[in-house]
Protein backbone atom coordinates (compact mmCIF):
# COMPACT_ATOMS: atom_id res chain seq x y z
CA UNK A 1 -10.91 24.72 -1.89
CA UNK A 2 -13.31 22.37 -3.70
CA UNK A 3 -17.07 22.17 -3.98
CA UNK A 4 -18.06 19.60 -1.36
CA UNK A 5 -20.96 17.19 -1.26
CA UNK A 6 -21.89 16.01 2.25
CA UNK A 7 -23.19 12.47 2.74
CA UNK A 8 -24.97 11.79 6.03
CA UNK A 9 -24.58 8.12 6.93
CA UNK A 10 -27.57 6.29 8.41
CA UNK A 11 -25.85 2.89 8.36
CA UNK A 12 -26.26 1.73 4.78
CA UNK A 13 -23.82 -0.87 3.45
CA UNK A 14 -23.61 1.30 0.32
CA UNK A 15 -22.67 4.64 1.91
CA UNK A 16 -19.01 4.48 0.92
CA UNK A 17 -20.07 3.54 -2.59
CA UNK A 18 -22.08 6.77 -2.85
CA UNK A 19 -19.00 8.80 -1.92
CA UNK A 20 -16.81 6.98 -4.43
CA UNK A 21 -19.33 7.45 -7.25
CA UNK A 22 -19.52 11.16 -6.48
CA UNK A 23 -15.73 11.49 -6.55
CA UNK A 24 -15.55 9.56 -9.81
CA UNK A 25 -17.61 12.41 -11.25
CA UNK A 26 -14.90 14.86 -10.15
CA UNK A 27 -16.70 16.26 -7.10
CA UNK A 28 -15.20 16.02 -3.61
CA UNK A 29 -17.46 14.22 -1.12
CA UNK A 30 -17.28 13.55 2.61
CA UNK A 31 -19.18 11.09 4.80
CA UNK A 32 -20.26 12.06 8.30
CA UNK A 33 -22.58 10.42 10.87
CA UNK A 34 -26.32 11.00 10.53
CA UNK A 35 -26.33 13.23 13.63
CA UNK A 36 -23.54 15.53 12.45
CA UNK A 37 -24.21 18.92 14.13
CA UNK A 38 -25.66 21.70 12.01
CA UNK A 39 -22.88 24.05 13.11
CA UNK A 40 -20.25 21.75 11.60
CA UNK A 41 -22.32 21.30 8.45
CA UNK A 42 -22.48 25.07 8.00
CA UNK A 43 -18.69 25.30 8.46
CA UNK A 44 -18.27 22.87 5.54
CA UNK A 45 -20.39 25.00 3.19
CA UNK A 46 -21.58 21.92 1.27
CA UNK A 47 -23.08 22.45 -2.16
CA UNK A 48 -25.57 19.66 -1.48
CA UNK A 49 -26.43 16.83 0.94
CA UNK A 50 -27.19 13.15 0.29
CA UNK A 51 -29.09 11.15 2.94
CA UNK A 52 -27.99 7.50 2.76
CA UNK A 53 -29.95 4.30 3.17
CA UNK A 54 -30.20 2.45 6.48
CA UNK A 55 -31.04 -0.95 7.97
CA UNK A 56 -33.71 0.86 10.02
CA UNK A 57 -37.28 1.69 9.10
CA UNK A 58 -38.54 5.23 9.66
CA UNK A 59 -41.19 3.83 12.01
CA UNK A 60 -38.63 2.15 14.30
CA UNK A 61 -38.43 3.76 17.77
CA UNK A 62 -34.62 4.07 17.41
CA UNK A 63 -34.69 5.24 13.80
CA UNK A 64 -31.77 7.63 13.24
CA UNK A 65 -32.70 11.21 12.36
CA UNK A 66 -30.55 14.12 11.12
CA UNK A 67 -30.36 17.57 12.69
CA UNK A 68 -33.76 19.06 11.70
CA UNK A 69 -32.09 22.32 10.68
CA UNK A 70 -30.68 20.69 7.54
CA UNK A 71 -34.04 21.35 5.88
CA UNK A 72 -33.53 25.09 6.38
CA UNK A 73 -30.14 25.27 4.64
CA UNK A 74 -31.76 26.00 1.26
CA UNK A 75 -29.33 23.69 -0.57
CA UNK A 76 -30.15 20.63 -2.71
CA UNK A 77 -30.87 17.41 -0.78
CA UNK A 78 -31.14 13.88 -2.21
CA UNK A 79 -32.62 11.11 -0.07
CA UNK A 80 -31.81 7.52 -1.08
CA UNK A 81 -33.98 4.61 0.18
CA UNK A 82 -34.17 5.32 3.93
CA UNK A 83 -33.18 8.89 3.02
CA UNK A 84 -36.30 8.95 0.87
CA UNK A 85 -38.38 8.06 3.92
CA UNK A 86 -36.79 10.97 5.81
CA UNK A 87 -37.76 13.37 3.02
CA UNK A 88 -41.28 11.95 2.90
CA UNK A 89 -41.78 12.13 6.67
CA UNK A 90 -40.47 15.70 6.91
CA UNK A 91 -42.89 16.94 4.27
CA UNK A 92 -45.90 15.08 5.64
CA UNK A 93 -46.11 12.06 3.32
CA UNK A 94 -47.21 8.67 4.62
CA UNK A 95 -44.65 5.84 4.90
CA UNK A 96 -45.77 2.29 5.73
CA UNK A 97 -44.54 -1.30 5.45
CA UNK A 98 -44.90 -2.57 1.91
CA UNK A 99 -47.22 -5.49 1.16
CA UNK A 100 -44.47 -6.85 -1.03
CA UNK A 101 -40.83 -6.38 -0.08
CA UNK A 102 -38.68 -5.32 -2.99
CA UNK A 103 -35.09 -6.56 -3.22
CA UNK A 104 -33.10 -6.71 -6.42
CA UNK A 105 -33.65 -5.48 -9.95
CA UNK A 106 -36.61 -3.34 -11.01
CA UNK A 107 -37.57 -1.10 -13.94
CA UNK A 108 -38.38 2.56 -13.45
CA UNK A 109 -41.16 4.26 -15.39
CA UNK A 110 -40.41 7.98 -15.63
CA UNK A 111 -43.64 9.94 -15.04
CA UNK A 112 -42.45 13.53 -15.40
CA UNK A 113 -39.66 15.45 -17.07
CA UNK A 114 -37.08 16.70 -14.60
CA UNK A 115 -33.36 17.65 -14.62
CA UNK A 116 -32.54 14.61 -12.46
CA UNK A 117 -33.65 12.27 -15.26
CA UNK A 118 -31.91 14.09 -18.10
CA UNK A 119 -30.42 11.54 -20.54
CA UNK A 120 -31.90 8.66 -18.53
CA UNK A 121 -33.71 6.07 -20.63
CA UNK A 122 -37.22 5.11 -19.59
CA UNK A 123 -37.62 1.57 -18.20
CA UNK A 124 -33.99 1.59 -17.05
CA UNK A 125 -32.93 -1.10 -14.60
CA UNK A 126 -32.42 -0.01 -10.98
CA UNK A 127 -31.60 -1.80 -7.73
CA UNK A 128 -34.15 -1.93 -4.92
CA UNK A 129 -33.59 -2.93 -1.29
CA UNK A 130 -36.50 -1.97 0.94
CA UNK A 131 -39.39 -3.27 3.01
CA UNK A 132 -41.23 0.08 3.35
CA UNK A 133 -42.64 2.42 0.77
CA UNK A 134 -44.31 5.82 0.51
CA UNK A 135 -48.06 5.22 0.43
CA UNK A 136 -49.32 8.75 -0.26
CA UNK A 137 -47.54 11.99 -1.08
CA UNK A 138 -48.27 15.36 0.48
CA UNK A 139 -49.37 18.20 -1.87
CA UNK A 140 -45.89 19.79 -1.91
CA UNK A 141 -44.28 16.64 -3.33
CA UNK A 142 -44.35 15.64 -7.00
CA UNK A 143 -44.07 12.10 -8.42
CA UNK A 144 -41.20 11.66 -10.88
CA UNK A 145 -40.99 7.87 -11.39
CA UNK A 146 -42.64 4.58 -10.41
CA UNK A 147 -41.92 0.85 -10.48
CA UNK A 148 -44.23 -2.14 -10.66
CA UNK A 149 -44.22 -2.35 -6.86
CA UNK A 150 -44.07 1.35 -5.97
CA UNK A 151 -46.03 4.30 -7.27
CA UNK A 152 -43.47 6.63 -5.69
CA UNK A 153 -40.05 5.34 -6.77
CA UNK A 154 -38.83 8.92 -7.19
CA UNK A 155 -40.26 12.28 -6.23
CA UNK A 156 -39.21 15.86 -5.52
CA UNK A 157 -40.39 18.97 -3.71
CA UNK A 158 -42.50 21.21 -5.94
CA UNK A 159 -40.46 24.37 -5.32
CA UNK A 160 -37.28 23.33 -3.45
CA UNK A 161 -34.31 21.32 -4.88
CA UNK A 162 -35.08 18.35 -2.63
CA UNK A 163 -35.26 14.91 -4.26
CA UNK A 164 -35.95 11.35 -3.09
CA UNK A 165 -35.24 7.97 -4.68
CA UNK A 166 -36.56 4.60 -3.51
CA UNK A 167 -33.79 2.79 -5.41
CA UNK A 168 -30.00 2.86 -5.02
CA UNK A 169 -28.35 4.80 -7.88
CA UNK A 170 -24.88 4.17 -6.43
CA UNK A 171 -24.77 0.40 -7.07
CA UNK A 172 -23.67 -0.93 -10.46
CA UNK A 173 -26.94 -2.85 -10.90
CA UNK A 174 -28.67 0.54 -11.34
CA UNK A 175 -27.64 0.99 -14.96
CA UNK A 176 -28.75 4.64 -15.03
CA UNK A 177 -27.46 5.40 -11.53
CA UNK A 178 -24.25 7.15 -12.54
CA UNK A 179 -26.19 9.49 -14.86
CA UNK A 180 -28.79 10.26 -12.17
CA UNK A 181 -26.07 11.14 -9.63
CA UNK A 182 -24.29 13.28 -12.23
CA UNK A 183 -27.56 15.08 -12.96
CA UNK A 184 -28.01 15.80 -9.26
CA UNK A 185 -24.44 17.08 -8.97
CA UNK A 186 -24.36 19.27 -12.05
CA UNK A 187 -27.95 20.08 -13.08
CA UNK A 188 -29.33 20.60 -9.59
CA UNK A 189 -26.44 21.34 -7.18
CA UNK A 190 -24.31 23.06 -9.87
CA UNK A 191 -21.06 21.55 -8.57
CA UNK A 192 -17.73 22.08 -10.31
CA UNK A 193 -15.84 18.85 -11.21
CA UNK A 194 -12.45 19.96 -9.90
CA UNK A 195 -11.48 16.96 -7.74
CA UNK A 196 -8.81 14.70 -9.30
CA UNK A 197 -5.67 12.74 -8.33
CA UNK A 198 -3.54 15.40 -10.02
CA UNK A 199 -5.08 18.25 -8.05
CA UNK A 200 -4.80 16.18 -4.86
CA UNK A 201 -1.06 15.62 -5.37
CA UNK A 202 -0.27 19.30 -5.96
CA UNK A 203 -2.39 20.47 -3.03
CA UNK A 204 -1.03 17.76 -0.71
CA UNK A 205 2.59 18.58 -1.49
CA UNK A 206 2.00 22.23 -0.56
CA UNK A 207 0.13 21.27 2.63
CA UNK A 208 2.80 18.75 3.71
CA UNK A 209 5.62 21.26 3.20
CA UNK A 210 3.75 23.89 5.19
CA UNK A 211 2.96 21.47 8.02
CA UNK A 212 6.33 19.73 8.32
CA UNK A 213 8.67 22.64 7.66
CA UNK A 214 12.25 21.49 8.23
CA UNK A 215 11.32 18.58 10.55
CA UNK A 216 11.85 14.90 9.74
CA UNK A 217 9.07 12.35 9.19
CA UNK A 218 9.16 8.61 9.97
CA UNK A 219 7.04 6.29 7.83
CA UNK A 220 6.33 2.58 8.24
CA UNK A 221 6.85 1.22 4.71
CA UNK A 222 5.34 -2.24 4.13
CA UNK A 223 5.61 -2.56 0.36
CA UNK A 224 1.83 -2.41 -0.01
CA UNK A 225 0.03 0.15 -2.14
CA UNK A 226 -1.00 2.54 0.66
CA UNK A 227 2.33 2.96 2.44
CA UNK A 228 4.22 3.04 -0.87
CA UNK A 229 2.06 5.82 -2.33
CA UNK A 230 2.33 7.71 0.96
CA UNK A 231 6.13 7.35 0.77
CA UNK A 232 6.24 8.63 -2.82
CA UNK A 233 3.98 11.59 -2.01
CA UNK A 234 5.96 12.55 1.10
CA UNK A 235 9.23 12.17 -0.78
CA UNK A 236 7.97 14.54 -3.48
CA UNK A 237 7.12 17.05 -0.77
CA UNK A 238 10.06 16.86 1.67
CA UNK A 239 12.77 14.71 0.04
CA UNK A 240 15.41 13.41 2.45
CA UNK A 241 13.47 14.62 5.47
CA UNK A 242 11.47 11.38 5.06
CA UNK A 243 12.71 8.28 6.92
CA UNK A 244 10.96 5.13 5.60
CA UNK A 245 11.36 2.11 7.89
CA UNK A 246 10.72 -1.33 6.39
CA UNK A 247 10.27 -4.03 9.03
CA UNK A 248 10.72 -7.54 7.63
CA UNK A 249 8.47 -9.65 9.83
CA UNK A 250 9.42 -12.90 8.14
CA UNK A 251 5.73 -13.23 7.24
CA UNK A 252 5.83 -11.29 4.00
CA UNK A 253 5.60 -12.16 0.32
CA UNK A 254 8.44 -14.06 -1.33
CA UNK A 255 11.66 -11.99 -1.51
CA UNK A 256 9.70 -8.88 -0.46
CA UNK A 257 12.58 -6.75 0.87
CA UNK A 258 14.52 -7.02 -2.41
CA UNK A 259 11.42 -6.24 -4.43
CA UNK A 260 10.69 -3.11 -2.42
CA UNK A 261 14.25 -1.94 -3.10
CA UNK A 262 13.75 -2.56 -6.82
CA UNK A 263 10.38 -0.83 -6.96
CA UNK A 264 11.79 2.35 -5.44
CA UNK A 265 14.85 2.55 -7.70
CA UNK A 266 13.21 5.54 -9.39
CA UNK A 267 13.63 7.38 -6.06
CA UNK A 268 17.42 7.11 -5.47
CA UNK A 269 17.36 9.72 -2.71
CA UNK A 270 14.75 7.72 -0.78
CA UNK A 271 16.94 6.00 1.80
CA UNK A 272 14.91 3.09 3.19
CA UNK A 273 15.89 1.71 6.61
CA UNK A 274 15.49 -2.10 6.33
CA UNK A 275 15.08 -4.02 9.60
CA UNK A 276 15.15 -7.83 9.62
CA UNK A 277 13.03 -8.84 12.62
CA UNK A 278 11.86 -12.18 11.22
CA UNK A 279 13.40 -14.27 14.02
CA UNK A 280 11.67 -12.17 16.67
CA UNK A 281 8.25 -12.41 15.01
CA UNK A 282 8.44 -16.16 14.38
CA UNK A 283 9.61 -16.82 17.94
CA UNK A 284 6.70 -14.81 19.36
CA UNK A 285 4.25 -16.90 17.32
CA UNK A 286 5.67 -20.27 18.35
CA UNK A 287 2.79 -22.69 19.09
CA UNK A 288 0.04 -20.08 18.57
CA UNK A 289 -2.90 -21.31 16.45
CA UNK A 290 -5.75 -18.90 17.24
CA UNK A 291 -6.01 -16.25 14.46
CA UNK A 292 -6.94 -13.39 16.81
CA UNK A 293 -3.99 -14.21 19.08
CA UNK A 294 -1.72 -14.21 16.04
CA UNK A 295 -2.96 -10.77 15.02
CA UNK A 296 -2.47 -9.30 18.50
CA UNK A 297 1.01 -10.79 18.90
CA UNK A 298 2.09 -9.50 15.49
CA UNK A 299 0.69 -6.03 16.18
CA UNK A 300 2.37 -5.87 19.58
CA UNK A 301 5.70 -7.12 18.21
CA UNK A 302 5.58 -4.71 15.30
CA UNK A 303 5.12 -1.75 17.64
CA UNK A 304 8.04 -2.94 19.78
CA UNK A 305 10.37 -3.31 16.77
CA UNK A 306 9.23 -0.09 15.12
CA UNK A 307 9.61 1.94 18.33
CA UNK A 308 13.14 0.66 18.83
CA UNK A 309 14.17 1.52 15.26
CA UNK A 310 12.44 4.92 15.30
CA UNK A 311 14.36 5.82 18.47
CA UNK A 312 17.48 5.99 16.30
CA UNK A 313 16.08 9.21 14.82
CA UNK A 314 15.57 11.51 17.81
CA UNK A 315 15.21 14.56 15.56
CA UNK A 316 12.05 13.17 13.92
CA UNK A 317 8.89 15.05 14.84
CA UNK A 318 6.23 13.31 12.74
CA UNK A 319 4.97 9.78 12.14
CA UNK A 320 3.31 9.17 8.75
CA UNK A 321 0.69 6.45 8.21
CA UNK A 322 -1.04 5.21 5.08
CA UNK A 323 -4.51 5.65 6.63
CA UNK A 324 -7.25 5.75 3.99
CA UNK A 325 -10.68 7.37 4.05
CA UNK A 326 -12.58 4.11 4.77
CA UNK A 327 -10.48 3.75 7.98
CA UNK A 328 -11.43 7.28 8.99
CA UNK A 329 -15.11 6.71 8.22
CA UNK A 330 -15.23 3.45 10.18
CA UNK A 331 -13.71 5.15 13.23
CA UNK A 332 -16.38 7.89 13.44
CA UNK A 333 -19.39 6.93 11.32
CA UNK A 334 -22.64 5.19 12.07
CA UNK A 335 -22.15 1.52 11.22
CA UNK A 336 -25.62 0.14 11.86
CA UNK A 337 -26.03 -3.35 13.33
CA UNK A 338 -23.11 -4.99 11.53
CA UNK A 339 -20.85 -7.11 13.72
CA UNK A 340 -17.07 -7.17 13.79
CA UNK A 341 -15.87 -10.19 11.80
CA UNK A 342 -12.22 -9.90 12.80
CA UNK A 343 -9.86 -7.26 14.11
CA UNK A 344 -8.16 -4.91 11.67
CA UNK A 345 -5.46 -2.25 11.78
CA UNK A 346 -7.59 0.80 12.53
CA UNK A 347 -6.89 4.52 12.69
CA UNK A 348 -4.31 5.14 15.40
CA UNK A 349 -2.13 2.38 16.86
CA UNK A 350 1.46 3.54 16.74
CA UNK A 351 0.88 7.19 17.68
CA UNK A 352 -0.50 6.15 21.08
CA UNK A 353 2.88 4.58 21.83
CA UNK A 354 5.12 7.24 20.34
CA UNK A 355 5.76 10.91 21.11
CA UNK A 356 5.34 11.99 17.50
CA UNK A 357 2.77 14.10 15.70
CA UNK A 358 0.67 12.15 13.23
CA UNK A 359 0.53 12.91 9.52
CA UNK A 360 -1.82 10.94 7.25
CA UNK A 361 -1.40 12.22 3.69
CA UNK A 362 -3.92 9.77 2.17
CA UNK A 363 -6.69 10.02 4.74
CA UNK A 364 -9.04 11.73 2.25
CA UNK A 365 -8.74 8.96 -0.37
CA UNK A 366 -10.42 5.70 -1.25
CA UNK A 367 -8.29 2.78 -2.47
CA UNK A 368 -8.99 3.36 -6.15
CA UNK A 369 -8.02 7.02 -5.73
CA UNK A 370 -4.77 6.00 -4.01
CA UNK A 371 -3.89 3.89 -7.04
CA UNK A 372 -4.56 6.85 -9.36
CA UNK A 373 -2.33 9.05 -7.20
CA UNK A 374 0.38 6.37 -7.45
CA UNK A 375 0.16 6.51 -11.24
CA UNK A 376 0.39 10.31 -11.10
CA UNK A 377 3.55 9.93 -8.98
CA UNK A 378 5.06 7.56 -11.59
CA UNK A 379 5.25 4.53 -9.31
CA UNK A 380 5.64 1.23 -11.23
CA UNK A 381 2.47 -0.53 -12.35
CA UNK A 382 3.28 -3.74 -10.47
CA UNK A 383 3.32 -1.74 -7.24
CA UNK A 384 0.35 0.57 -7.84
CA UNK A 385 -1.98 -2.27 -8.86
CA UNK A 386 -0.69 -4.80 -6.36
CA UNK A 387 -3.32 -7.01 -4.77
CA UNK A 388 -4.25 -6.37 -1.12
CA UNK A 389 -2.10 -8.12 1.47
CA UNK A 390 -3.12 -8.61 5.13
CA UNK A 391 -1.32 -6.63 7.82
CA UNK A 392 -0.40 -9.79 9.79
CA UNK A 393 1.02 -11.25 6.57
CA UNK A 394 1.24 -14.96 5.90
CA UNK A 395 0.51 -15.76 9.55
CA UNK A 396 -3.21 -15.59 8.74
CA UNK A 397 -2.77 -17.58 5.53
CA UNK A 398 -1.18 -20.46 7.43
CA UNK A 399 -4.05 -22.17 9.20
CA UNK A 400 -2.89 -23.19 12.66
CA UNK A 401 0.55 -22.71 14.21
CA UNK A 402 3.22 -20.82 12.26
CA UNK A 403 6.89 -21.69 11.83
CA UNK A 404 9.72 -20.81 9.45
CA UNK A 405 9.32 -23.94 7.31
CA UNK A 406 5.60 -23.37 6.78
CA UNK A 407 6.21 -19.72 5.85
CA UNK A 408 8.87 -20.77 3.33
CA UNK A 409 6.55 -23.39 1.86
CA UNK A 410 3.67 -20.92 1.46
CA UNK A 411 5.91 -18.21 0.02
CA UNK A 412 7.00 -20.59 -2.76
CA UNK A 413 3.43 -21.66 -3.51
CA UNK A 414 2.17 -18.08 -3.57
CA UNK A 415 5.06 -16.94 -5.77
CA UNK A 416 4.22 -19.58 -8.39
CA UNK A 417 0.53 -18.61 -8.37
CA UNK A 418 1.18 -14.87 -8.69
CA UNK A 419 3.96 -15.18 -11.25
CA UNK A 420 1.74 -17.36 -13.46
CA UNK A 421 -1.07 -14.81 -13.21
CA UNK A 422 1.31 -12.24 -14.71
CA UNK A 423 2.53 -14.66 -17.41
CA UNK A 424 -1.03 -15.54 -18.46
CA UNK A 425 -2.10 -11.85 -18.38
CA UNK A 426 -4.62 -12.66 -15.65
CA UNK A 427 -3.24 -10.60 -12.75
CA UNK A 428 -5.52 -7.64 -13.49
CA UNK A 429 -8.50 -9.93 -14.10
CA UNK A 430 -8.87 -10.51 -10.36
CA UNK A 431 -9.07 -8.16 -7.39
CA UNK A 432 -7.06 -10.37 -5.04
CA UNK A 433 -5.30 -13.71 -5.42
CA UNK A 434 -3.27 -15.69 -2.89
CA UNK A 435 -2.47 -19.12 -1.50
CA UNK A 436 -3.37 -20.66 1.86
CA UNK A 437 -1.52 -23.48 3.64
CA UNK A 438 -3.95 -25.95 5.20
CA UNK A 439 -3.26 -27.93 8.40
CA UNK A 440 -3.99 -31.27 6.75
CA UNK A 441 -2.03 -33.86 4.83
CA UNK A 442 -3.17 -35.84 1.86
CA UNK A 443 -2.09 -39.09 0.25
CA UNK A 444 -0.42 -38.64 -3.12
CA UNK A 445 1.85 -40.37 -5.61
CA UNK A 446 5.27 -38.88 -6.33
CA UNK A 447 7.06 -40.92 -8.97
CA UNK A 448 6.28 -44.51 -8.08
CA UNK A 449 6.11 -43.85 -4.34
CA UNK A 450 3.30 -43.03 -1.98
CA UNK A 451 3.52 -39.53 -0.46
CA UNK A 452 1.73 -37.96 2.46
CA UNK A 453 2.27 -34.22 2.14
CA UNK A 454 0.39 -30.99 2.79
CA UNK A 455 -2.53 -29.41 0.98
CA UNK A 456 -2.64 -25.79 -0.19
CA UNK A 457 -5.64 -23.80 -1.36
CA UNK A 458 -5.62 -21.12 -4.04
CA UNK A 459 -8.09 -18.25 -3.71
CA UNK A 460 -8.95 -15.45 -6.12
CA UNK A 461 -11.90 -13.08 -5.90
CA UNK A 462 -13.33 -10.07 -7.68
CA UNK A 463 -14.59 -7.23 -5.54
CA UNK A 464 -14.99 -3.46 -5.49
CA UNK A 465 -14.17 -2.73 -1.88
CA UNK A 466 -13.86 -6.11 -0.14
CA UNK A 467 -17.33 -5.89 1.43
CA UNK A 468 -18.65 -8.56 -0.93
CA UNK A 469 -16.72 -10.78 -3.34
CA UNK A 470 -17.26 -13.37 -6.04
CA UNK A 471 -14.81 -16.09 -7.04
CA UNK A 472 -12.70 -15.32 -10.11
CA UNK A 473 -13.42 -17.85 -12.86
CA UNK A 474 -9.96 -18.57 -14.25
CA UNK A 475 -9.53 -20.87 -17.28
CA UNK A 476 -9.31 -24.47 -16.16
CA UNK A 477 -6.07 -25.08 -18.06
CA UNK A 478 -4.49 -22.18 -16.15
CA UNK A 479 -5.47 -23.67 -12.78
CA UNK A 480 -4.27 -27.08 -13.86
CA UNK A 481 -0.94 -25.62 -15.00
CA UNK A 482 -0.44 -23.80 -11.68
CA UNK A 483 -1.34 -26.94 -9.72
CA UNK A 484 1.19 -28.99 -11.67
CA UNK A 485 3.94 -26.43 -11.11
CA UNK A 486 3.27 -26.27 -7.37
CA UNK A 487 3.25 -30.04 -6.88
CA UNK A 488 6.35 -30.51 -9.05
CA UNK A 489 8.43 -27.64 -7.65
CA UNK A 490 7.39 -27.20 -4.01
CA UNK A 491 8.57 -30.14 -1.97
CA UNK A 492 6.02 -30.80 0.77
CA UNK A 493 2.86 -30.04 -1.24
CA UNK A 494 1.03 -32.93 -2.87
CA UNK A 495 -2.45 -31.51 -3.47
CA UNK A 496 -3.85 -28.14 -4.64
CA UNK A 497 -7.50 -27.06 -4.27
CA UNK A 498 -9.29 -23.94 -5.55
CA UNK A 499 -11.63 -22.08 -3.19
CA UNK A 500 -14.87 -21.17 -5.02
CA UNK A 501 -16.75 -19.67 -2.05
CA UNK A 502 -18.16 -16.15 -2.36
CA UNK A 503 -18.30 -13.48 0.37
CA UNK A 504 -20.72 -13.89 2.06
CA UNK A 505 -20.92 -16.58 3.40
CA UNK A 506 -17.12 -16.81 3.60
CA UNK A 507 -14.66 -14.01 4.23
CA UNK A 508 -11.99 -13.31 1.61
CA UNK A 509 -9.09 -14.38 3.85
CA UNK A 510 -9.36 -17.76 5.57
CA UNK A 511 -8.47 -16.35 9.00
């Protein structure tokens, strides 16, 4: 229904960013593995193809290569970084290791007029990340731009709409990158900008109604952005046929069940099934300190509780999940040499245990698009722009063993931190903020007496997608105010610290 841009993924850390930038321009994009078969590509009828970067060099014996027939499709192709090497190699140019590796900011000198550089200022800043470069071009390729370290920072085919860039236009450090991508989309590929949250909602409602018919749908509602937007979208489509089940694990934010009720007051016909399973979850975690064990126990217990509750609705035929596009990509795409840092909730899970058909209404969307859909569906701002919250809940924000008292302590600390962010108009100044309960005690002075209570850490980071993150620099008087409130109001906490570590080297969550 929409013009589609295909991105072939060769393992770059920026591949998802390319797709998001394309969609921000109003063009639908999809990511598929580098070896996606030509037959499937032809079925997609893409308007153009982008070849992503990669941790590999084109000269590596295991260097990933696309189906060679892509070059015969006669559609625009843009190669970025490693994708540039693929273009160069295919057309007979010479690629070799660079004498000087180039990482970080550079300035491009535009050498020739071309539609891809329309409205792009000369000497614009771009972002480089490569150890190889094109040494010599073949006669069919034309130089478009250079940098101090590379004579061939951008080039194109003389007669075909095939382009190559040494730099990464998708990252925000490339100040002209958004314009270059837009030029490729509209000047070269002639795409129509018809992809938007509004169009997605209308099309999804029609598709859901056609798929579900008169059947009922069960949804696991957590109170997070993804499941809440999925609930609102499904409710718009099928009304009371939707059965949202909210499982209170006892590891959730402060007063979460009541807040979820309040946030969905605008949907009076949305009858949420609330299940209090907190005692069961906390009992199953008794004495468990290892973070991976905690995750597995919580996942296993959640499935057990959810299955039991879902069995009360034998007429249900579908299970809805708030799966997003990054989950789908990670389950099928080429990920390069990156290692798993910790286990996550991936695509699947519950359906393997339940005899229900799966429906994933948000599986085409990135997180920022989900938020825009939530706004379109008139969900409250405090829900749509809620900070991310881990699936295992506070169990992975309590370092060490978990019990009811520790959960209660951390909930109070976290509530003070978050409520003060709202009061100081700082909530939207950070991507994610939360508190962590540390397994150490510290000497303090309460009144005129010596105390020996626990330490909590506050963490707040700014990020685009969670892959990298920088600490949020809050005003010192704000942090001091929050610290004073916590120590004065939360009995059992005598010291507050602020985590200033970026990702990498740390992860965002502590466990």
